[in-house]
Amino acid sequence: MTDTPQRPRPLRVLAAMSGGVDSAVAAARAAEAGHDVTGVHLALSANPQSFRTGARGCCTIEDSRDARRAADVIGIPFYVWDLADRFREDVVEDFVAEYEAGRTPNPCLRCNEKIKFAALLDKALALGFDAVCTGHYAKIVTLPDGSRELHRASDMAKDQSYVLGVLDERQLAHALFPLGDTLTTKDEIRAEAERRGLAVAKKPDSHDICFIADGDTQGFLAKRLGKAEGDIVDESGTKVGTHEGAYGFTIGQRKGLRIGHPAADGKPRYVLDISPVNNTVTVGPADALDVTGLTAIKPRWCGTAPTAPGVYTAQLRAHGGETEVSAELAGGELHVTFTEPVRGVAPGQAIVLYDDTRVVGSATIASTVRRQPVTSTS
C-alpha cells in the first residue's frame, strides 16, 4: 500500500494587501491553498491624500478601499494597520538623509526590511500568525533540514528578489510568496484576478516612489532640504555650471546637468562624484564611471554568512542585470571585485549577491574603486 503524501499543514497567514493586483492574487492563492488568511492594508501616511493619487501607489485611500473590496471577494477578514510613524522614520526620513549625505538609497528595499518584514512581521507573530504573505515575485525553497532559501522567481522578467535581499533567515522562515512559481505574463495574472472577481484586475501598476506624490524626487528633496546653490566642476576642478542642491543628482546621471558649454571632446558628460561637504558635483566622460570594485557595509544574509571568499553574480539595481564578482567578508564589510568594470554604481545603493538563482545576501555600497580616479574637490 502506497502512503498518501500529506499536504503541508494550514498556516495562519497575514496577507499584506497593497490594493494592487499582485497582492490580491497572492492572498487569494494563499486562501485557496487552505491557509487561514487575514488581509491587512498598511496605512503608511498620517494624511493619505499627501501621497500618490489616482490609485498609482500603495498608500492612498483608494488603495485601502481596493484592498478591502478584494478581501471581501476572497472571503477573508480584513484590517487596516497604522504604520505611518514607522514608515516616516524608517523609510521617508532615511531617504532624505541618504540623499543629503550624497548617497542614492532604495526606499522600496528599505520598506521591505523595516516595515513589511520587521514591523509587520513582528506584530503578526505577536498575534499568533505563522507567516506574512506578499505579492512579490520570488521563491522560497525549503531544504531537507527545514531551513529555507530565497531564490529568484521562476519568471526572470518579473523577478523581485533584489528588493528582498535584506531578509534574514528568521524572516524567511515566516514569509510566503505565492506568485514566485508563476510562469505567466502580467496580463495572465490580471486575467486570473478577473476570473476570481477581483476589481483590481485592470488597475495600473505603480513604478514610482509611493511617498512622492507627483513623481518629482528633486522637488520633494528641495522642499525638505531647501535650495543650496553650488558648483558643477569637471575632473580638473574647473567650474562648468551651477546647481540648486547636490542632493538632486545621482552618480551616472546625464540629463538635467544644465552645463553651459560642451566638453572639449564634444562628448556627453555624466555625474562622477557628489560632495555634500562643499556642495559640489563633479562631471566627466562616461569611461570615468567604470567601477572595478566596491566596499559595502551592513551586510544581511539570507541564511548563513559566507566564511570564505567566493565567486558570485551581483545585481546593483532593482531592474538591472547580473554581473560576475568575487566577494569576501572581512571586518564586517563586504569587499567586492568585478570581473568586468560596471557603470552607474553609487554609494547608498544595495548590492545583492546570488549563487545561481539563490539569494546569498545584500549590503549597502559605501565606496567604489574607479578604473580612472576622479579628482574630487571635497
Protein backbone atom coordinates (compact mmCIF):
# COMPACT_ATOMS: atom_id res chain seq x y z
CA MET A 1 0.00 0.00 0.00
CA THR A 2 1.40 3.39 -1.01
CA ASP A 3 1.40 6.14 1.55
CA THR A 4 -0.66 9.14 0.54
CA PRO A 5 1.50 12.30 0.57
CA GLN A 6 0.47 14.62 3.33
CA ARG A 7 -0.40 18.19 2.47
CA PRO A 8 1.50 20.85 4.40
CA ARG A 9 -0.42 21.91 7.46
CA PRO A 10 -2.54 25.03 7.04
CA LEU A 11 -0.93 28.17 8.38
CA ARG A 12 -2.35 31.30 9.92
CA VAL A 13 -1.29 33.81 7.28
CA LEU A 14 -1.36 37.60 7.35
CA ALA A 15 -1.60 38.79 3.74
CA ALA A 16 -0.20 42.29 3.14
CA MET A 17 -2.64 43.79 0.62
CA SER A 18 -1.41 46.98 -1.02
CA GLY A 19 -4.54 47.45 -3.10
CA GLY A 20 -2.82 46.20 -6.25
CA VAL A 21 -3.43 43.15 -8.39
CA ASP A 22 -0.35 41.14 -7.33
CA SER A 23 -1.02 41.21 -3.59
CA ALA A 24 -4.72 40.45 -4.16
CA VAL A 25 -3.95 37.37 -6.28
CA ALA A 26 -1.30 36.27 -3.75
CA ALA A 27 -3.84 36.47 -0.90
CA ALA A 28 -6.39 34.57 -2.99
CA ARG A 29 -3.90 31.81 -3.79
CA ALA A 30 -2.92 31.50 -0.12
CA ALA A 31 -6.58 31.12 0.86
CA GLU A 32 -7.18 28.63 -1.96
CA ALA A 33 -4.23 26.57 -0.68
CA GLY A 34 -6.16 26.04 2.55
CA HIS A 35 -4.41 28.55 4.77
CA ASP A 36 -6.30 30.64 7.33
CA VAL A 37 -5.74 34.05 5.73
CA THR A 38 -6.38 37.52 7.11
CA GLY A 39 -5.82 40.57 4.90
CA VAL A 40 -4.18 43.74 6.15
CA HIS A 41 -3.57 47.06 4.44
CA LEU A 42 -0.76 49.22 5.80
CA ALA A 43 -1.65 52.87 6.31
CA LEU A 44 1.72 54.49 5.70
CA SER A 45 0.77 58.16 5.84
CA ALA A 46 -1.00 60.19 8.51
CA ASN A 47 -2.54 62.08 5.57
CA PRO A 48 -3.04 59.58 2.71
CA GLN A 49 -4.01 62.35 0.30
CA SER A 50 -0.47 63.70 0.58
CA PHE A 51 0.77 60.52 -1.11
CA ARG A 52 0.09 59.41 -4.67
CA THR A 53 -3.40 59.89 -6.07
CA GLY A 54 -5.22 58.13 -8.86
CA ALA A 55 -4.56 54.62 -7.50
CA ARG A 56 -0.95 54.68 -8.67
CA GLY A 57 0.85 53.87 -5.44
CA CYS A 58 0.25 51.76 -2.35
CA CYS A 59 -0.52 54.43 0.21
CA THR A 60 -3.74 56.12 -0.85
CA ILE A 61 -7.31 55.99 0.36
CA GLU A 62 -8.25 54.40 -2.99
CA ASP A 63 -5.71 51.64 -2.40
CA SER A 64 -7.12 50.90 1.05
CA ARG A 65 -10.61 50.61 -0.40
CA ASP A 66 -9.41 48.43 -3.28
CA ALA A 67 -7.69 46.09 -0.80
CA ARG A 68 -10.84 45.86 1.33
CA ARG A 69 -13.00 45.03 -1.69
CA ALA A 70 -10.54 42.32 -2.77
CA ALA A 71 -10.58 40.78 0.73
CA ASP A 72 -14.39 40.74 0.67
CA VAL A 73 -14.40 38.87 -2.65
CA ILE A 74 -11.79 36.36 -1.42
CA GLY A 75 -13.84 35.93 1.75
CA ILE A 76 -11.19 36.75 4.34
CA PRO A 77 -11.14 39.12 7.31
CA PHE A 78 -9.56 42.50 6.62
CA TYR A 79 -7.95 45.21 8.74
CA VAL A 80 -6.05 48.45 8.24
CA TRP A 81 -2.95 48.87 10.41
CA ASP A 82 -1.43 52.28 11.02
CA LEU A 83 2.34 52.13 10.49
CA ALA A 84 2.67 55.76 9.38
CA ASP A 85 5.11 56.75 12.13
CA ARG A 86 7.41 53.79 11.47
CA PHE A 87 7.26 54.39 7.73
CA ARG A 88 8.08 58.08 8.09
CA GLU A 89 11.03 57.39 10.37
CA ASP A 90 12.47 54.25 8.76
CA VAL A 91 11.79 54.95 5.08
CA VAL A 92 11.00 58.61 4.32
CA GLU A 93 13.46 60.23 6.74
CA ASP A 94 16.12 57.68 5.81
CA PHE A 95 15.54 58.51 2.13
CA VAL A 96 16.02 62.24 2.74
CA ALA A 97 19.07 61.75 4.97
CA GLU A 98 20.77 59.48 2.42
CA TYR A 99 20.36 61.99 -0.41
CA GLU A 100 21.54 64.80 1.86
CA ALA A 101 24.71 62.76 2.50
CA GLY A 102 25.32 62.35 -1.23
CA ARG A 103 24.13 58.74 -1.43
CA THR A 104 21.44 57.07 -3.56
CA PRO A 105 19.01 54.98 -1.44
CA ASN A 106 16.39 52.42 -2.48
CA PRO A 107 13.23 53.15 -0.44
CA CYS A 108 11.39 50.00 -1.61
CA LEU A 109 14.17 47.80 -0.29
CA ARG A 110 14.17 49.72 2.99
CA CYS A 111 10.38 49.35 3.24
CA ASN A 112 10.64 45.57 2.84
CA GLU A 113 13.34 45.40 5.51
CA LYS A 114 11.92 47.78 8.09
CA ILE A 115 8.16 47.72 7.51
CA LYS A 116 6.85 44.58 5.80
CA PHE A 117 9.30 42.10 7.31
CA ALA A 118 10.16 43.81 10.59
CA ALA A 119 7.33 45.93 11.99
CA LEU A 120 4.56 43.97 10.23
CA LEU A 121 6.06 40.51 10.78
CA ASP A 122 6.84 41.19 14.44
CA LYS A 123 3.25 42.29 15.04
CA ALA A 124 1.91 39.31 13.10
CA LEU A 125 3.94 36.82 15.13
CA ALA A 126 2.88 38.50 18.38
CA LEU A 127 -0.75 37.99 17.34
CA GLY A 128 -0.23 34.30 16.63
CA PHE A 129 0.18 34.31 12.85
CA ASP A 130 2.64 31.88 11.29
CA ALA A 131 3.62 33.84 8.21
CA VAL A 132 3.31 37.07 6.23
CA CYS A 133 2.26 36.75 2.59
CA THR A 134 3.04 39.35 -0.09
CA GLY A 135 2.68 39.65 -3.85
CA HIS A 136 6.41 39.73 -4.56
CA TYR A 137 7.76 37.61 -7.40
CA ALA A 138 10.37 35.46 -5.65
CA LYS A 139 10.61 31.84 -4.46
CA ILE A 140 11.32 30.25 -1.10
CA VAL A 141 12.87 26.78 -1.25
CA THR A 142 12.67 24.58 1.84
CA LEU A 143 15.66 22.24 2.30
CA PRO A 144 15.52 18.71 3.81
CA ASP A 145 16.77 20.05 7.16
CA GLY A 146 13.89 22.53 7.29
CA SER A 147 15.97 25.62 6.55
CA ARG A 148 14.80 27.96 3.81
CA GLU A 149 16.48 29.69 0.90
CA LEU A 150 15.36 32.71 -1.11
CA HIS A 151 15.57 32.25 -4.89
CA ARG A 152 14.77 34.26 -7.97
CA ALA A 153 11.23 33.95 -9.33
CA SER A 154 10.61 31.30 -11.97
CA ASP A 155 9.97 34.12 -14.43
CA MET A 156 13.10 36.29 -14.55
CA ALA A 157 11.20 39.06 -16.31
CA LYS A 158 9.14 39.62 -13.15
CA ASP A 159 11.76 38.68 -10.54
CA GLN A 160 11.76 40.94 -7.45
CA SER A 161 14.30 39.09 -5.31
CA TYR A 162 16.63 42.12 -5.38
CA VAL A 163 14.37 44.14 -3.08
CA LEU A 164 14.01 41.10 -0.78
CA GLY A 165 17.76 40.55 -0.40
CA VAL A 166 17.59 42.24 3.02
CA LEU A 167 15.55 39.37 4.55
CA ASP A 168 17.36 37.25 7.12
CA GLU A 169 16.88 33.58 7.97
CA ARG A 170 14.26 34.27 10.63
CA GLN A 171 12.20 36.47 8.32
CA LEU A 172 12.36 33.91 5.50
CA ALA A 173 11.04 31.28 7.90
CA HIS A 174 7.82 33.29 8.19
CA ALA A 175 7.39 34.51 4.58
CA LEU A 176 5.11 33.33 1.75
CA PHE A 177 5.39 34.45 -1.89
CA PRO A 178 2.56 32.67 -3.74
CA LEU A 179 3.46 34.28 -7.09
CA GLY A 180 7.07 33.08 -7.13
CA ASP A 181 6.43 29.99 -9.25
CA THR A 182 4.26 31.83 -11.74
CA LEU A 183 5.43 31.38 -15.34
CA THR A 184 2.87 33.70 -16.83
CA THR A 185 2.71 37.22 -18.17
CA LYS A 186 1.31 40.08 -16.14
CA ASP A 187 -1.70 40.01 -18.47
CA GLU A 188 -2.35 36.43 -17.33
CA ILE A 189 -2.12 37.47 -13.68
CA ARG A 190 -4.70 40.15 -14.45
CA ALA A 191 -6.84 37.56 -16.22
CA GLU A 192 -6.63 35.34 -13.12
CA ALA A 193 -7.72 38.27 -10.97
CA GLU A 194 -10.65 38.88 -13.29
CA ARG A 195 -11.67 35.20 -13.11
CA ARG A 196 -11.61 35.49 -9.34
CA GLY A 197 -13.86 38.55 -9.50
CA LEU A 198 -11.19 40.94 -8.19
CA ALA A 199 -11.88 44.51 -9.32
CA VAL A 200 -8.15 45.35 -9.22
CA ALA A 201 -7.60 43.17 -12.31
CA LYS A 202 -7.23 46.23 -14.55
CA LYS A 203 -5.60 48.55 -12.03
CA PRO A 204 -2.33 50.04 -13.36
CA ASP A 205 0.97 49.11 -11.75
CA SER A 206 2.90 51.63 -9.69
CA HIS A 207 6.55 52.20 -10.61
CA ASP A 208 7.27 55.41 -8.73
CA ILE A 209 8.19 56.20 -5.12
CA CYS A 210 4.89 56.00 -3.28
CA PHE A 211 5.53 58.91 -0.91
CA ILE A 212 6.45 61.38 -3.66
CA ALA A 213 3.00 62.34 -4.90
CA ASP A 214 3.95 63.94 -8.23
CA GLY A 215 6.98 61.78 -9.03
CA ASP A 216 9.34 64.80 -8.75
CA THR A 217 12.10 63.48 -6.49
CA GLN A 218 14.25 66.59 -6.83
CA GLY A 219 11.30 68.85 -5.97
CA PHE A 220 10.45 66.68 -2.95
CA LEU A 221 14.03 66.89 -1.67
CA ALA A 222 14.18 70.64 -2.30
CA LYS A 223 11.12 71.16 -0.09
CA ARG A 224 12.69 69.07 2.68
CA LEU A 225 16.28 70.27 2.42
CA GLY A 226 15.96 73.72 0.84
CA LYS A 227 17.76 75.02 -2.22
CA ALA A 228 21.53 75.26 -1.86
CA GLU A 229 23.35 76.62 -4.89
CA GLY A 230 26.73 75.08 -5.60
CA ASP A 231 29.24 74.45 -8.36
CA ILE A 232 29.37 71.81 -11.06
CA VAL A 233 33.03 71.17 -11.90
CA ASP A 234 34.93 68.96 -14.33
CA GLU A 235 37.63 66.45 -13.37
CA SER A 236 40.26 69.20 -13.21
CA GLY A 237 38.14 71.24 -10.78
CA THR A 238 37.18 73.86 -13.36
CA LYS A 239 33.69 75.27 -12.82
CA VAL A 240 31.38 74.41 -15.72
CA GLY A 241 27.98 75.20 -14.23
CA THR A 242 25.88 75.61 -11.10
CA HIS A 243 23.14 73.66 -9.37
CA GLU A 244 20.50 74.27 -6.69
CA GLY A 245 21.34 71.32 -4.47
CA ALA A 246 23.83 68.46 -4.79
CA TYR A 247 21.16 66.13 -3.41
CA GLY A 248 19.35 66.43 -6.75
CA PHE A 249 21.99 64.37 -8.58
CA THR A 250 22.97 60.71 -8.75
CA ILE A 251 26.15 59.01 -9.93
CA GLY A 252 25.94 58.29 -13.66
CA GLN A 253 23.28 60.95 -14.33
CA ARG A 254 23.47 62.56 -17.76
CA LYS A 255 20.28 64.58 -18.18
CA GLY A 256 19.43 67.79 -16.34
CA LEU A 257 23.02 68.89 -15.67
CA ARG A 258 22.45 72.38 -17.14
CA ILE A 259 26.08 72.78 -18.14
CA GLY A 260 26.59 75.95 -20.13
CA HIS A 261 29.13 74.71 -22.68
CA PRO A 262 30.09 71.31 -24.16
CA ALA A 263 33.08 69.26 -23.14
CA ALA A 264 36.32 69.79 -25.10
CA ASP A 265 35.87 66.44 -26.86
CA GLY A 266 32.22 67.19 -27.66
CA LYS A 267 31.03 64.06 -25.84
CA PRO A 268 28.31 63.92 -23.13
CA ARG A 269 29.27 64.39 -19.51
CA TYR A 270 27.99 62.40 -16.57
CA VAL A 271 27.90 62.87 -12.81
CA LEU A 272 31.04 61.26 -11.39
CA ASP A 273 31.04 62.46 -7.80
CA ILE A 274 28.74 64.23 -5.33
CA SER A 275 30.34 66.08 -2.42
CA PRO A 276 27.81 67.20 0.20
CA VAL A 277 30.65 68.72 2.26
CA ASN A 278 31.19 71.60 -0.17
CA ASN A 279 28.00 71.11 -2.21
CA THR A 280 29.95 70.32 -5.37
CA VAL A 281 29.05 67.98 -8.24
CA THR A 282 31.87 66.62 -10.41
CA VAL A 283 31.16 65.63 -14.02
CA GLY A 284 33.20 63.90 -16.68
CA PRO A 285 33.23 61.38 -19.54
CA ALA A 286 31.39 58.05 -19.50
CA ASP A 287 34.53 55.92 -19.21
CA ALA A 288 35.39 57.67 -15.93
CA LEU A 289 32.31 55.92 -14.46
CA ASP A 290 33.92 52.48 -14.80
CA VAL A 291 33.99 50.78 -11.38
CA THR A 292 36.26 47.80 -10.76
CA GLY A 293 35.39 47.15 -7.11
CA LEU A 294 33.50 48.35 -4.07
CA THR A 295 33.17 48.11 -0.31
CA ALA A 296 29.72 47.55 1.17
CA ILE A 297 28.54 47.79 4.79
CA LYS A 298 25.66 46.48 6.91
CA PRO A 299 25.56 43.05 5.24
CA ARG A 300 22.41 40.97 5.69
CA TRP A 301 22.44 37.28 4.84
CA CYS A 302 19.55 35.13 3.63
CA GLY A 303 20.91 32.24 5.68
CA THR A 304 24.43 31.55 6.94
CA ALA A 305 27.02 34.22 6.21
CA PRO A 306 29.84 33.19 3.82
CA THR A 307 33.01 32.22 5.68
CA ALA A 308 35.44 32.39 2.76
CA PRO A 309 35.95 34.38 -0.44
CA GLY A 310 33.67 33.27 -3.26
CA VAL A 311 32.59 33.93 -6.81
CA TYR A 312 29.01 35.12 -7.28
CA THR A 313 26.83 37.13 -9.59
CA ALA A 314 25.69 40.52 -8.34
CA GLN A 315 22.74 42.79 -9.04
CA LEU A 316 23.13 46.50 -8.36
CA ARG A 317 19.69 47.89 -9.22
CA ALA A 318 16.14 46.62 -8.93
CA HIS A 319 15.79 46.29 -12.69
CA GLY A 320 19.45 45.76 -13.53
CA GLY A 321 21.22 42.73 -14.93
CA GLU A 322 23.73 40.43 -13.28
CA THR A 323 27.50 40.76 -13.32
CA GLU A 324 30.15 38.32 -12.10
CA VAL A 325 32.08 39.29 -8.96
CA SER A 326 34.39 37.89 -6.35
CA ALA A 327 33.42 38.82 -2.80
CA GLU A 328 34.91 38.47 0.66
CA LEU A 329 33.57 39.37 4.08
CA ALA A 330 36.24 40.98 6.28
CA GLY A 331 35.81 43.01 9.45
CA GLY A 332 32.06 43.18 8.97
CA GLU A 333 32.46 44.73 5.50
CA LEU A 334 31.88 43.15 2.11
CA HIS A 335 34.73 43.65 -0.36
CA VAL A 336 33.74 43.07 -3.98
CA THR A 337 35.79 42.94 -7.19
CA PHE A 338 34.07 42.96 -10.59
CA THR A 339 35.24 40.58 -13.30
CA GLU A 340 34.43 43.33 -15.83
CA PRO A 341 34.06 47.04 -14.97
CA VAL A 342 30.50 48.29 -14.44
CA ARG A 343 28.98 51.77 -14.55
CA GLY A 344 26.38 53.72 -12.60
CA VAL A 345 27.38 52.33 -9.20
CA ALA A 346 26.60 54.80 -6.40
CA PRO A 347 27.13 54.77 -2.62
CA GLY A 348 23.84 54.10 -0.88
CA GLN A 349 22.66 51.55 -3.42
CA ALA A 350 22.31 47.90 -2.43
CA ILE A 351 24.40 45.13 -3.90
CA VAL A 352 22.70 41.73 -3.81
CA LEU A 353 24.77 38.57 -4.28
CA TYR A 354 23.46 35.43 -5.99
CA ASP A 355 24.69 31.85 -6.23
CA ASP A 356 22.91 30.81 -9.42
CA THR A 357 19.26 31.63 -8.52
CA ARG A 358 19.81 31.61 -4.75
CA VAL A 359 19.96 34.96 -2.98
CA VAL A 360 23.04 34.92 -0.76
CA GLY A 361 22.53 38.31 0.85
CA SER A 362 22.84 42.04 0.42
CA ALA A 363 24.84 45.02 1.67
CA THR A 364 24.83 48.81 1.26
CA ILE A 365 27.52 50.24 -1.01
CA ALA A 366 29.78 52.59 0.97
CA SER A 367 32.57 53.33 -1.55
CA THR A 368 33.73 52.34 -5.02
CA VAL A 369 37.04 51.82 -6.80
CA ARG A 370 37.23 53.55 -10.18
CA ARG A 371 39.38 52.43 -13.08
CA GLN A 372 40.16 56.13 -13.61
CA PRO A 373 40.39 58.05 -10.32
CA VAL A 374 38.05 61.03 -10.08
CA THR A 375 39.59 64.26 -8.85
CA SER A 376 37.11 65.36 -6.17
CA THR A 377 37.17 68.82 -4.62
CA SER A 378 35.94 67.50 -1.29
